[in-house]
Amino acid sequence: MSENVTNVVIAGLGGQGVLKASDILADAAFACGYDVKKSEIHGMSQRGGSVTSDVRFGPQVLSPMVPDGSADFLVVLAEEETESARRHLRPGGVLIGPQSLGASSLPNRRSLNVALLGVLSVRLDLAVTAWHDAIRANLAEKLHETNLEAFAAGRRAARAK
């Protein structure tokens, strides 16, 4: 385990699965033995407005909020949210967005959130089995196959870059 806290902000629009993606990430990190804290801001999410969720994990995490300018990773589900969410990213931090993979490679466009977690997973020291278990735990059984395929597609896209 790393000695540092890893800060991830996931941003998008209501209905894109921002909160579900943060739940999956938090569960995977927790399964790998990390202390995990999570927070979210809904805004007008029911009407397609901005949604962000912070996930912090490490040996000990004291606060659920990622301070502006200190996110190690910014995962953006909607291109149009990139500029408004960029303030979260630290200098040298990694931006992961839909451009990180070919959306046509997804079995279902609605699994973009899980595909981008696949991209993120290549950069984190979390066991792939923990990710798979978290996907299964957070989604209905009928969605498992499609989302596991999307996660694998994200991992392939990240390794191809």
C-alpha atoms as a PDB file:
ATOM      1  CA  MET A   1       0.000   0.000   0.000  1.00  0.00           C
ATOM      2  CA  SER A   2       1.060   3.537  -0.742  1.00  0.00           C
ATOM      3  CA  GLU A   3       1.840   5.916   2.134  1.00  0.00           C
ATOM      4  CA  ASN A   4       0.017   8.738   0.369  1.00  0.00           C
ATOM      5  CA  VAL A   5      -3.642   9.532  -0.020  1.00  0.00           C
ATOM      6  CA  THR A   6      -4.888   9.223  -3.597  1.00  0.00           C
ATOM      7  CA  ASN A   7      -7.407  11.899  -4.625  1.00  0.00           C
ATOM      8  CA  VAL A   8      -9.893  11.210  -7.418  1.00  0.00           C
ATOM      9  CA  VAL A   9     -12.660  13.528  -8.606  1.00  0.00           C
ATOM     10  CA  ILE A  10     -15.327  12.150 -10.928  1.00  0.00           C
ATOM     11  CA  ALA A  11     -17.400  14.764 -12.770  1.00  0.00           C
ATOM     12  CA  GLY A  12     -20.248  14.621 -15.245  1.00  0.00           C
ATOM     13  CA  LEU A  13     -23.927  15.284 -15.719  1.00  0.00           C
ATOM     14  CA  GLY A  14     -26.909  13.867 -13.857  1.00  0.00           C
ATOM     15  CA  GLY A  15     -27.801  10.428 -15.167  1.00  0.00           C
ATOM     16  CA  GLN A  16     -24.305   9.565 -16.415  1.00  0.00           C
ATOM     17  CA  GLY A  17     -23.414   7.388 -13.453  1.00  0.00           C
ATOM     18  CA  VAL A  18     -20.976   9.678 -11.634  1.00  0.00           C
ATOM     19  CA  LEU A  19     -22.143   8.468  -8.227  1.00  0.00           C
ATOM     20  CA  LYS A  20     -22.189   4.827  -9.313  1.00  0.00           C
ATOM     21  CA  ALA A  21     -18.618   5.165 -10.612  1.00  0.00           C
ATOM     22  CA  SER A  22     -17.495   6.670  -7.304  1.00  0.00           C
ATOM     23  CA  ASP A  23     -19.212   3.845  -5.399  1.00  0.00           C
ATOM     24  CA  ILE A  24     -17.363   1.261  -7.505  1.00  0.00           C
ATOM     25  CA  LEU A  25     -13.999   3.010  -7.022  1.00  0.00           C
ATOM     26  CA  ALA A  26     -14.558   3.370  -3.265  1.00  0.00           C
ATOM     27  CA  ASP A  27     -15.547  -0.295  -2.908  1.00  0.00           C
ATOM     28  CA  ALA A  28     -12.514  -1.483  -4.912  1.00  0.00           C
ATOM     29  CA  ALA A  29     -10.126   0.636  -2.814  1.00  0.00           C
ATOM     30  CA  PHE A  30     -11.735  -0.524   0.435  1.00  0.00           C
ATOM     31  CA  ALA A  31     -11.464  -4.177  -0.651  1.00  0.00           C
ATOM     32  CA  CYS A  32      -7.729  -3.604  -1.176  1.00  0.00           C
ATOM     33  CA  GLY A  33      -7.332  -2.525   2.456  1.00  0.00           C
ATOM     34  CA  TYR A  34      -7.380   1.249   2.152  1.00  0.00           C
ATOM     35  CA  ASP A  35      -9.183   3.751   4.331  1.00  0.00           C
ATOM     36  CA  VAL A  36     -11.718   5.382   1.989  1.00  0.00           C
ATOM     37  CA  LYS A  37     -13.748   8.583   2.200  1.00  0.00           C
ATOM     38  CA  LYS A  38     -16.250   9.777  -0.378  1.00  0.00           C
ATOM     39  CA  SER A  39     -18.397  12.866  -0.899  1.00  0.00           C
ATOM     40  CA  GLU A  40     -20.613  14.163  -3.647  1.00  0.00           C
ATOM     41  CA  ILE A  41     -22.223  17.326  -4.923  1.00  0.00           C
ATOM     42  CA  HIS A  42     -25.448  16.832  -6.850  1.00  0.00           C
ATOM     43  CA  GLY A  43     -26.377  20.340  -7.956  1.00  0.00           C
ATOM     44  CA  MET A  44     -29.252  20.088 -10.414  1.00  0.00           C
ATOM     45  CA  SER A  45     -28.413  16.471 -11.194  1.00  0.00           C
ATOM     46  CA  GLN A  46     -32.032  15.408 -11.620  1.00  0.00           C
ATOM     47  CA  ARG A  47     -32.243  17.825 -14.520  1.00  0.00           C
ATOM     48  CA  GLY A  48     -28.999  16.823 -16.185  1.00  0.00           C
ATOM     49  CA  GLY A  49     -26.904  19.365 -14.289  1.00  0.00           C
ATOM     50  CA  SER A  50     -23.368  19.027 -12.987  1.00  0.00           C
ATOM     51  CA  VAL A  51     -22.486  16.255 -10.562  1.00  0.00           C
ATOM     52  CA  THR A  52     -19.118  15.669  -8.910  1.00  0.00           C
ATOM     53  CA  SER A  53     -17.959  13.031  -6.497  1.00  0.00           C
ATOM     54  CA  ASP A  54     -14.699  12.967  -4.555  1.00  0.00           C
ATOM     55  CA  VAL A  55     -13.053   9.685  -3.587  1.00  0.00           C
ATOM     56  CA  ARG A  56      -9.984   9.695  -1.354  1.00  0.00           C
ATOM     57  CA  PHE A  57      -8.144   6.570  -0.269  1.00  0.00           C
ATOM     58  CA  GLY A  58      -4.910   5.688   1.474  1.00  0.00           C
ATOM     59  CA  PRO A  59      -3.595   4.338   4.777  1.00  0.00           C
ATOM     60  CA  GLN A  60      -5.498   7.062   6.666  1.00  0.00           C
ATOM     61  CA  VAL A  61      -7.896   9.607   5.187  1.00  0.00           C
ATOM     62  CA  LEU A  62      -9.159  12.398   7.440  1.00  0.00           C
ATOM     63  CA  SER A  63     -11.507  14.294   5.107  1.00  0.00           C
ATOM     64  CA  PRO A  64     -13.801  13.174   2.270  1.00  0.00           C
ATOM     65  CA  MET A  65     -13.327  16.380   0.253  1.00  0.00           C
ATOM     66  CA  VAL A  66     -10.579  16.770  -2.341  1.00  0.00           C
ATOM     67  CA  PRO A  67      -9.321  20.354  -2.040  1.00  0.00           C
ATOM     68  CA  ASP A  68      -9.333  22.317  -5.303  1.00  0.00           C
ATOM     69  CA  GLY A  69      -6.098  21.854  -7.189  1.00  0.00           C
ATOM     70  CA  SER A  70      -5.137  18.591  -5.499  1.00  0.00           C
ATOM     71  CA  ALA A  71      -6.880  15.787  -7.416  1.00  0.00           C
ATOM     72  CA  ASP A  72      -4.392  13.213  -8.665  1.00  0.00           C
ATOM     73  CA  PHE A  73      -6.996  12.049 -11.178  1.00  0.00           C
ATOM     74  CA  LEU A  74      -9.958  13.843 -12.720  1.00  0.00           C
ATOM     75  CA  VAL A  75     -12.387  11.509 -14.469  1.00  0.00           C
ATOM     76  CA  VAL A  76     -14.830  13.473 -16.631  1.00  0.00           C
ATOM     77  CA  LEU A  77     -17.828  11.667 -18.120  1.00  0.00           C
ATOM     78  CA  ALA A  78     -19.095  14.620 -20.196  1.00  0.00           C
ATOM     79  CA  GLU A  79     -16.686  16.572 -22.407  1.00  0.00           C
ATOM     80  CA  GLU A  80     -18.585  19.797 -21.678  1.00  0.00           C
ATOM     81  CA  GLU A  81     -17.780  19.448 -17.968  1.00  0.00           C
ATOM     82  CA  THR A  82     -14.011  19.302 -18.515  1.00  0.00           C
ATOM     83  CA  GLU A  83     -13.219  23.006 -18.194  1.00  0.00           C
ATOM     84  CA  SER A  84     -15.415  23.633 -15.157  1.00  0.00           C
ATOM     85  CA  ALA A  85     -14.004  20.548 -13.391  1.00  0.00           C
ATOM     86  CA  ARG A  86     -10.355  21.189 -14.294  1.00  0.00           C
ATOM     87  CA  ARG A  87      -9.901  23.352 -11.175  1.00  0.00           C
ATOM     88  CA  HIS A  88      -9.891  20.145  -9.118  1.00  0.00           C
ATOM     89  CA  LEU A  89      -6.791  18.742 -10.855  1.00  0.00           C
ATOM     90  CA  ARG A  90      -3.349  19.269  -9.324  1.00  0.00           C
ATOM     91  CA  PRO A  91      -0.424  20.309 -11.533  1.00  0.00           C
ATOM     92  CA  GLY A  92       0.791  17.095 -13.139  1.00  0.00           C
ATOM     93  CA  GLY A  93      -2.493  15.332 -12.342  1.00  0.00           C
ATOM     94  CA  VAL A  94      -4.133  13.063 -14.904  1.00  0.00           C
ATOM     95  CA  LEU A  95      -7.296  13.961 -16.823  1.00  0.00           C
ATOM     96  CA  ILE A  96      -9.323  10.964 -17.999  1.00  0.00           C
ATOM     97  CA  GLY A  97     -12.291  11.662 -20.248  1.00  0.00           C
ATOM     98  CA  PRO A  98     -14.322  10.179 -23.084  1.00  0.00           C
ATOM     99  CA  GLN A  99     -11.452  11.023 -25.452  1.00  0.00           C
ATOM    100  CA  SER A 100      -9.387   8.433 -23.520  1.00  0.00           C
ATOM    101  CA  LEU A 101     -11.185   5.653 -25.354  1.00  0.00           C
ATOM    102  CA  GLY A 102     -13.193   5.196 -28.507  1.00  0.00           C
ATOM    103  CA  ALA A 103     -16.821   5.217 -27.401  1.00  0.00           C
ATOM    104  CA  SER A 104     -17.568   2.969 -30.371  1.00  0.00           C
ATOM    105  CA  SER A 105     -15.544   0.275 -28.606  1.00  0.00           C
ATOM    106  CA  LEU A 106     -18.138   0.135 -25.836  1.00  0.00           C
ATOM    107  CA  PRO A 107     -20.773  -2.590 -25.834  1.00  0.00           C
ATOM    108  CA  ASN A 108     -23.254  -0.022 -24.481  1.00  0.00           C
ATOM    109  CA  ARG A 109     -22.781   3.769 -24.394  1.00  0.00           C
ATOM    110  CA  ARG A 110     -24.390   3.827 -20.940  1.00  0.00           C
ATOM    111  CA  SER A 111     -21.350   1.996 -19.540  1.00  0.00           C
ATOM    112  CA  LEU A 112     -18.994   4.901 -20.302  1.00  0.00           C
ATOM    113  CA  ASN A 113     -18.594   5.518 -16.554  1.00  0.00           C
ATOM    114  CA  VAL A 114     -17.335   1.963 -15.977  1.00  0.00           C
ATOM    115  CA  ALA A 115     -15.145   2.077 -19.114  1.00  0.00           C
ATOM    116  CA  LEU A 116     -13.438   5.225 -17.787  1.00  0.00           C
ATOM    117  CA  LEU A 117     -12.891   3.431 -14.477  1.00  0.00           C
ATOM    118  CA  GLY A 118     -11.105   0.811 -16.567  1.00  0.00           C
ATOM    119  CA  VAL A 119      -8.817   3.547 -17.910  1.00  0.00           C
ATOM    120  CA  LEU A 120      -8.240   4.806 -14.362  1.00  0.00           C
ATOM    121  CA  SER A 121      -7.607   1.297 -13.019  1.00  0.00           C
ATOM    122  CA  VAL A 122      -4.438   0.927 -15.093  1.00  0.00           C
ATOM    123  CA  ARG A 123      -2.941   3.855 -13.128  1.00  0.00           C
ATOM    124  CA  LEU A 124      -3.957   2.676  -9.647  1.00  0.00           C
ATOM    125  CA  ASP A 125      -2.522  -0.078  -7.484  1.00  0.00           C
ATOM    126  CA  LEU A 126      -5.853  -1.832  -6.937  1.00  0.00           C
ATOM    127  CA  ALA A 127      -6.355  -5.495  -7.812  1.00  0.00           C
ATOM    128  CA  VAL A 128      -8.409  -6.136 -10.946  1.00  0.00           C
ATOM    129  CA  THR A 129     -10.426  -8.697  -8.989  1.00  0.00           C
ATOM    130  CA  ALA A 130     -11.395  -5.959  -6.491  1.00  0.00           C
ATOM    131  CA  TRP A 131     -12.651  -3.831  -9.397  1.00  0.00           C
ATOM    132  CA  HIS A 132     -14.639  -6.740 -10.829  1.00  0.00           C
ATOM    133  CA  ASP A 133     -16.170  -7.525  -7.433  1.00  0.00           C
ATOM    134  CA  ALA A 134     -17.084  -3.851  -6.927  1.00  0.00           C
ATOM    135  CA  ILE A 135     -18.738  -3.680 -10.361  1.00  0.00           C
ATOM    136  CA  ARG A 136     -20.798  -6.784  -9.556  1.00  0.00           C
ATOM    137  CA  ALA A 137     -21.722  -5.474  -6.093  1.00  0.00           C
ATOM    138  CA  ASN A 138     -22.908  -2.087  -7.374  1.00  0.00           C
ATOM    139  CA  LEU A 139     -24.833  -3.088 -10.492  1.00  0.00           C
ATOM    140  CA  ALA A 140     -27.804  -5.325 -11.185  1.00  0.00           C
ATOM    141  CA  GLU A 141     -26.842  -8.812 -12.360  1.00  0.00           C
ATOM    142  CA  LYS A 142     -28.242  -8.174 -15.855  1.00  0.00           C
ATOM    143  CA  LEU A 143     -25.660  -5.364 -16.246  1.00  0.00           C
ATOM    144  CA  HIS A 144     -22.592  -7.325 -15.112  1.00  0.00           C
ATOM    145  CA  GLU A 145     -21.451  -8.711 -18.465  1.00  0.00           C
ATOM    146  CA  THR A 146     -21.815  -5.436 -20.374  1.00  0.00           C
ATOM    147  CA  ASN A 147     -20.030  -3.441 -17.683  1.00  0.00           C
ATOM    148  CA  LEU A 148     -17.219  -5.938 -17.200  1.00  0.00           C
ATOM    149  CA  GLU A 149     -16.692  -5.738 -20.983  1.00  0.00           C
ATOM    150  CA  ALA A 150     -16.684  -1.919 -20.792  1.00  0.00           C
ATOM    151  CA  PHE A 151     -14.167  -2.024 -17.927  1.00  0.00           C
ATOM    152  CA  ALA A 152     -11.910  -4.321 -19.989  1.00  0.00           C
ATOM    153  CA  ALA A 153     -12.261  -1.994 -23.008  1.00  0.00           C
ATOM    154  CA  GLY A 154     -11.127   0.941 -20.840  1.00  0.00           C
ATOM    155  CA  ARG A 155      -8.112  -1.020 -19.640  1.00  0.00           C
ATOM    156  CA  ARG A 156      -7.192  -1.933 -23.235  1.00  0.00           C
ATOM    157  CA  ALA A 157      -7.524   1.694 -24.365  1.00  0.00           C
ATOM    158  CA  ALA A 158      -5.301   2.913 -21.509  1.00  0.00           C
ATOM    159  CA  ARG A 159      -2.609   0.364 -22.313  1.00  0.00           C
ATOM    160  CA  ALA A 160      -2.718   1.224 -26.025  1.00  0.00           C
ATOM    161  CA  LYS A 161      -1.774   4.868 -25.380  1.00  0.00           C
END
